[in-house]
Amino acid sequence: MKLSSYPLVLLSLLLLSACSNLFDYHAYDTQISGETGINAKNKALIEVQSQEKKNIKFAFISDTQRWYDETEDVVAHINNRGDIDFVIHGGDLSDFGATREFMWQRDILNKLTTPYVCLLGNHDCIGSGKHTFEKIFGNPNFTLRVGNTLFVCLNTNALEYDYSEPVPDFFFLESQLEIALASGVEQTIVLMHAPPFDLVFNNNVASAFQYSIKRFPNLLFCVYGHNHNTEINDFFNDGINYYGCTNIKDRRYFLFTLTQDSYEMEEVSF
């Protein structure tokens, strides 16, 4: 190598070193540190802890995207109550589907002294968000058996999938219906992020969706997030209420109390 080429080599090395700092992290790199598989672990914990309970209280929070201080506050509020058996997050943990958004939210929610599970939101599907969600939390479709009550948790963000996958997944619903009927489930609650007749929902199958979930034993009600407003709708005029939870920015969440044959719902401010 000629002596005159050394400055060029040195300059190239300096530029590469500088660029390596610029590309240290990519928003969608799916390089996850910390706990994974949260839903499966907490599902097992919830089911064990609820075996002997006749009355169950669960909190439903939703759409915590970007509102980290409020999420910290709701966690502290739920912990201070001491009477909530578990928490369900209705989706949109992230705003842009970025890997670090999921990890930040997970780390806040892990401060809960009661177990929690999370649904998939439409914002959680942006970029590589679905992959990150599945790694940290789990499958977007899952069930939770709490005493005699079955919680059916669904991915309803059809628009984010460009209708390339079955959303909602009727094959999953059919398989879980068979299990529910065979295992003595007495009542059912269905939870989702986007409700029927929303732009994100596949409304070509809205009626089929309602038919499918009403086949489950004693469908009590449905719960959703997404719209950033408190709502109560009987979408199909069939007596089944759909409770829409506002975003965490409004500093409110739902508290449901289940008894053997009924339930109560209240909206809690914190």
Protein backbone atom coordinates (compact mmCIF):
# COMPACT_ATOMS: atom_id res chain seq x y z
CA MET A 1 0.00 0.00 0.00
CA LYS A 2 1.32 3.42 -0.91
CA LEU A 3 1.94 5.85 1.90
CA SER A 4 -0.34 8.36 0.20
CA SER A 5 -3.32 5.95 0.56
CA TYR A 6 -3.14 5.82 4.39
CA PRO A 7 -5.19 8.99 4.92
CA LEU A 8 -7.98 7.55 2.76
CA VAL A 9 -7.95 4.29 4.70
CA LEU A 10 -8.01 6.15 8.00
CA LEU A 11 -10.89 8.33 6.80
CA SER A 12 -12.83 5.24 5.71
CA LEU A 13 -12.35 3.57 9.10
CA LEU A 14 -13.51 6.70 10.92
CA LEU A 15 -16.62 6.93 8.73
CA LEU A 16 -17.44 3.25 9.33
CA SER A 17 -17.03 3.72 13.05
CA ALA A 18 -19.37 6.71 13.03
CA CYS A 19 -21.96 4.88 10.93
CA SER A 20 -21.93 1.87 13.26
CA ASN A 21 -23.16 4.15 16.02
CA LEU A 22 -25.94 5.42 13.78
CA PHE A 23 -27.17 1.91 13.02
CA ASP A 24 -26.85 0.52 16.54
CA TYR A 25 -30.64 0.08 16.77
CA HIS A 26 -33.49 -0.23 14.29
CA ALA A 27 -37.07 0.31 15.43
CA TYR A 28 -38.23 -2.98 13.93
CA ASP A 29 -35.19 -5.17 14.54
CA THR A 30 -37.14 -7.57 16.88
CA GLN A 31 -34.05 -7.90 19.09
CA ILE A 32 -35.88 -8.54 22.35
CA SER A 33 -34.29 -8.48 25.78
CA GLY A 34 -36.07 -9.43 28.96
CA GLU A 35 -39.08 -11.61 29.63
CA THR A 36 -41.00 -13.35 26.82
CA GLY A 37 -44.02 -15.68 26.66
CA ILE A 38 -45.89 -13.60 29.21
CA ASN A 39 -49.47 -14.56 28.31
CA ALA A 40 -48.87 -18.29 28.67
CA LYS A 41 -47.14 -17.89 32.04
CA ASN A 42 -49.76 -15.56 33.46
CA LYS A 43 -52.65 -17.54 32.00
CA ALA A 44 -51.49 -20.59 33.95
CA LEU A 45 -51.12 -18.49 37.10
CA ILE A 46 -54.60 -16.94 36.74
CA GLU A 47 -56.24 -20.31 36.18
CA VAL A 48 -54.58 -21.85 39.23
CA GLN A 49 -55.31 -18.90 41.52
CA SER A 50 -58.99 -18.74 40.50
CA GLN A 51 -59.85 -22.41 40.95
CA GLU A 52 -61.50 -22.03 44.35
CA LYS A 53 -62.98 -18.55 43.92
CA LYS A 54 -66.71 -17.99 43.53
CA ASN A 55 -66.46 -14.28 42.74
CA ILE A 56 -63.84 -12.85 40.38
CA LYS A 57 -62.75 -9.26 39.78
CA PHE A 58 -60.77 -8.34 36.69
CA ALA A 59 -59.65 -5.00 35.29
CA PHE A 60 -59.68 -4.16 31.60
CA ILE A 61 -57.30 -1.45 30.42
CA SER A 62 -56.57 -0.54 26.83
CA ASP A 63 -54.65 1.62 24.37
CA THR A 64 -51.68 2.57 26.51
CA GLN A 65 -49.65 3.53 23.44
CA ARG A 66 -47.32 6.50 24.14
CA TRP A 67 -48.97 7.25 27.53
CA TYR A 68 -46.32 5.74 29.75
CA ASP A 69 -46.87 7.94 32.80
CA GLU A 70 -50.58 7.11 32.84
CA THR A 71 -49.76 3.42 32.47
CA GLU A 72 -47.42 3.65 35.45
CA ASP A 73 -50.22 5.33 37.40
CA VAL A 74 -52.89 2.74 36.57
CA VAL A 75 -50.52 -0.04 37.59
CA ALA A 76 -49.95 1.68 40.94
CA HIS A 77 -53.70 2.26 41.35
CA ILE A 78 -54.57 -1.39 40.69
CA ASN A 79 -51.81 -2.56 43.03
CA ASN A 80 -53.05 -0.27 45.80
CA ARG A 81 -56.60 -1.63 45.54
CA GLY A 82 -55.52 -5.16 46.34
CA ASP A 83 -58.85 -6.71 45.33
CA ILE A 84 -58.33 -7.34 41.60
CA ASP A 85 -57.62 -10.93 40.57
CA PHE A 86 -56.09 -10.21 37.17
CA VAL A 87 -55.78 -7.60 34.42
CA ILE A 88 -56.52 -7.83 30.69
CA HIS A 89 -54.93 -5.30 28.33
CA GLY A 90 -57.11 -4.66 25.26
CA GLY A 91 -54.29 -3.98 22.81
CA ASP A 92 -52.35 -1.10 21.29
CA LEU A 93 -49.45 -1.37 23.65
CA SER A 94 -47.40 0.34 20.95
CA ASP A 95 -48.01 3.32 18.71
CA PHE A 96 -45.75 2.35 15.82
CA GLY A 97 -45.14 -1.37 16.40
CA ALA A 98 -41.54 -0.63 17.43
CA THR A 99 -39.75 -3.30 19.44
CA ARG A 100 -38.77 -0.99 22.27
CA GLU A 101 -42.34 0.23 22.70
CA PHE A 102 -43.42 -3.32 23.56
CA MET A 103 -40.52 -3.79 25.95
CA TRP A 104 -41.19 -0.47 27.70
CA GLN A 105 -44.86 -1.34 28.16
CA ARG A 106 -44.02 -4.87 29.31
CA ASP A 107 -41.63 -3.54 31.92
CA ILE A 108 -44.31 -1.21 33.30
CA LEU A 109 -47.02 -3.87 33.31
CA ASN A 110 -44.65 -6.32 34.98
CA LYS A 111 -44.87 -4.10 38.06
CA LEU A 112 -48.45 -5.29 38.55
CA THR A 113 -48.78 -7.44 41.65
CA THR A 114 -51.57 -9.37 39.94
CA PRO A 115 -51.10 -11.39 36.72
CA TYR A 116 -52.02 -9.87 33.37
CA VAL A 117 -52.48 -10.88 29.72
CA CYS A 118 -52.48 -8.73 26.58
CA LEU A 119 -54.51 -8.66 23.37
CA LEU A 120 -53.15 -7.57 20.00
CA GLY A 121 -54.10 -4.07 18.80
CA ASN A 122 -54.07 -2.67 15.29
CA HIS A 123 -51.11 -0.38 16.07
CA ASP A 124 -49.27 -3.43 17.38
CA CYS A 125 -49.35 -4.87 13.85
CA ILE A 126 -47.34 -2.04 12.25
CA GLY A 127 -43.95 -3.03 10.82
CA SER A 128 -42.64 -6.12 12.61
CA GLY A 129 -44.92 -5.45 15.60
CA LYS A 130 -46.96 -8.64 15.29
CA HIS A 131 -43.77 -10.73 15.45
CA THR A 132 -42.57 -8.80 18.50
CA PHE A 133 -45.95 -9.10 20.19
CA GLU A 134 -46.00 -12.86 19.63
CA LYS A 135 -42.51 -13.21 21.06
CA ILE A 136 -43.09 -11.10 24.17
CA PHE A 137 -46.74 -11.93 24.84
CA GLY A 138 -47.91 -14.86 22.69
CA ASN A 139 -50.52 -15.93 20.16
CA PRO A 140 -53.06 -13.17 19.37
CA ASN A 141 -55.87 -15.74 19.77
CA PHE A 142 -56.11 -17.49 23.13
CA THR A 143 -58.54 -18.51 25.83
CA LEU A 144 -58.47 -18.20 29.59
CA ARG A 145 -60.47 -20.48 31.89
CA VAL A 146 -61.37 -18.75 35.15
CA GLY A 147 -63.47 -21.04 37.31
CA ASN A 148 -66.63 -21.75 35.32
CA THR A 149 -66.04 -18.79 32.96
CA LEU A 150 -64.25 -18.93 29.61
CA PHE A 151 -62.53 -15.80 28.35
CA VAL A 152 -62.14 -15.88 24.56
CA CYS A 153 -59.45 -13.38 23.50
CA LEU A 154 -59.34 -12.60 19.79
CA ASN A 155 -57.38 -10.79 17.13
CA THR A 156 -59.95 -8.69 15.24
CA ASN A 157 -57.56 -6.37 13.38
CA ALA A 158 -58.47 -7.64 9.90
CA LEU A 159 -57.49 -4.48 8.04
CA GLU A 160 -53.89 -4.80 9.24
CA TYR A 161 -53.70 -8.25 7.64
CA ASP A 162 -55.08 -7.10 4.29
CA TYR A 163 -57.56 -9.97 4.65
CA SER A 164 -54.76 -12.41 3.83
CA GLU A 165 -55.39 -14.38 7.03
CA PRO A 166 -58.68 -15.34 8.71
CA VAL A 167 -59.34 -12.47 11.12
CA PRO A 168 -61.32 -13.16 13.21
CA ASP A 169 -60.18 -16.78 13.11
CA PHE A 170 -63.29 -18.96 12.84
CA PHE A 171 -61.21 -22.15 12.90
CA PHE A 172 -59.89 -21.11 16.31
CA LEU A 173 -63.39 -20.28 17.52
CA GLU A 174 -64.74 -23.64 16.39
CA SER A 175 -61.95 -25.55 18.12
CA GLN A 176 -62.45 -23.65 21.37
CA LEU A 177 -66.21 -24.13 21.23
CA GLU A 178 -65.74 -27.90 21.14
CA ILE A 179 -63.42 -27.73 24.16
CA ALA A 180 -65.81 -25.45 26.05
CA LEU A 181 -68.80 -27.71 25.50
CA ALA A 182 -66.82 -30.78 26.53
CA SER A 183 -65.26 -29.23 29.64
CA GLY A 184 -68.34 -27.87 31.38
CA VAL A 185 -67.87 -24.16 30.82
CA GLU A 186 -70.95 -22.34 32.16
CA GLN A 187 -70.47 -18.79 30.88
CA THR A 188 -68.36 -16.95 28.30
CA ILE A 189 -66.84 -13.50 27.82
CA VAL A 190 -65.34 -12.43 24.48
CA LEU A 191 -62.60 -9.79 24.33
CA MET A 192 -61.10 -8.06 21.31
CA HIS A 193 -59.39 -4.85 20.25
CA ALA A 194 -61.51 -3.59 17.33
CA PRO A 195 -65.28 -4.13 17.61
CA PRO A 196 -67.72 -5.20 14.88
CA PHE A 197 -68.60 -2.47 12.35
CA ASP A 198 -65.33 -0.66 12.91
CA LEU A 199 -63.20 0.02 9.81
CA VAL A 200 -60.50 -2.33 11.16
CA PHE A 201 -62.95 -5.23 11.63
CA ASN A 202 -63.83 -7.52 8.70
CA ASN A 203 -67.47 -6.53 8.51
CA ASN A 204 -68.12 -8.95 5.66
CA VAL A 205 -68.26 -11.59 8.39
CA ALA A 206 -69.70 -9.55 11.26
CA SER A 207 -72.95 -11.55 11.38
CA ALA A 208 -71.07 -14.84 11.16
CA PHE A 209 -68.81 -13.66 13.97
CA GLN A 210 -71.77 -12.91 16.24
CA TYR A 211 -73.36 -16.25 15.39
CA SER A 212 -70.11 -18.05 16.27
CA ILE A 213 -69.55 -16.42 19.63
CA LYS A 214 -73.18 -16.80 20.68
CA ARG A 215 -72.81 -20.57 20.33
CA PHE A 216 -70.52 -20.52 23.37
CA PRO A 217 -72.20 -21.31 26.71
CA ASN A 218 -74.11 -18.32 28.12
CA LEU A 219 -72.30 -15.43 26.40
CA LEU A 220 -72.39 -12.71 29.08
CA PHE A 221 -70.87 -9.74 27.25
CA CYS A 222 -68.00 -8.58 25.03
CA VAL A 223 -65.24 -6.03 25.74
CA TYR A 224 -63.07 -4.03 23.35
CA GLY A 225 -60.74 -1.02 23.17
CA HIS A 226 -59.55 0.81 20.05
CA ASN A 227 -61.99 3.75 19.85
CA HIS A 228 -60.49 5.79 22.72
CA ASN A 229 -63.97 6.40 24.13
CA THR A 230 -66.18 4.80 26.74
CA GLU A 231 -68.98 3.03 24.86
CA ILE A 232 -71.75 0.52 25.49
CA ASN A 233 -73.28 -0.97 22.35
CA ASP A 234 -75.70 -3.75 21.52
CA PHE A 235 -74.37 -4.00 17.98
CA PHE A 236 -76.67 -6.80 16.86
CA ASN A 237 -79.77 -5.91 18.91
CA ASP A 238 -79.68 -9.33 20.52
CA GLY A 239 -79.17 -8.36 24.16
CA ILE A 240 -75.36 -8.82 24.17
CA ASN A 241 -73.59 -5.69 25.35
CA TYR A 242 -70.22 -4.70 23.91
CA TYR A 243 -68.31 -2.53 26.39
CA GLY A 244 -65.78 -0.18 24.80
CA CYS A 245 -62.97 0.96 27.09
CA THR A 246 -61.35 4.35 26.58
CA ASN A 247 -57.59 4.84 26.24
CA ILE A 248 -55.39 5.14 29.30
CA LYS A 249 -54.79 8.84 28.59
CA ASP A 250 -58.30 9.45 29.97
CA ARG A 251 -57.19 7.80 33.22
CA ARG A 252 -60.07 5.35 33.36
CA TYR A 253 -60.47 1.58 33.14
CA PHE A 254 -63.21 -1.03 33.48
CA LEU A 255 -63.66 -3.20 36.53
CA PHE A 256 -65.82 -6.31 36.15
CA THR A 257 -67.07 -8.42 39.05
CA LEU A 258 -68.25 -11.91 38.10
CA THR A 259 -70.51 -13.99 40.32
CA GLN A 260 -71.93 -17.44 39.74
CA ASP A 261 -74.73 -16.25 37.48
CA SER A 262 -74.30 -12.51 36.85
CA TYR A 263 -71.82 -9.67 36.64
CA GLU A 264 -71.33 -5.99 37.48
CA MET A 265 -69.32 -3.43 35.52
CA GLU A 266 -68.02 -0.07 36.68
CA GLU A 267 -65.70 2.47 35.14
CA VAL A 268 -62.94 3.43 37.54
CA SER A 269 -61.06 6.74 37.45
CA PHE A 270 -57.54 7.04 38.82
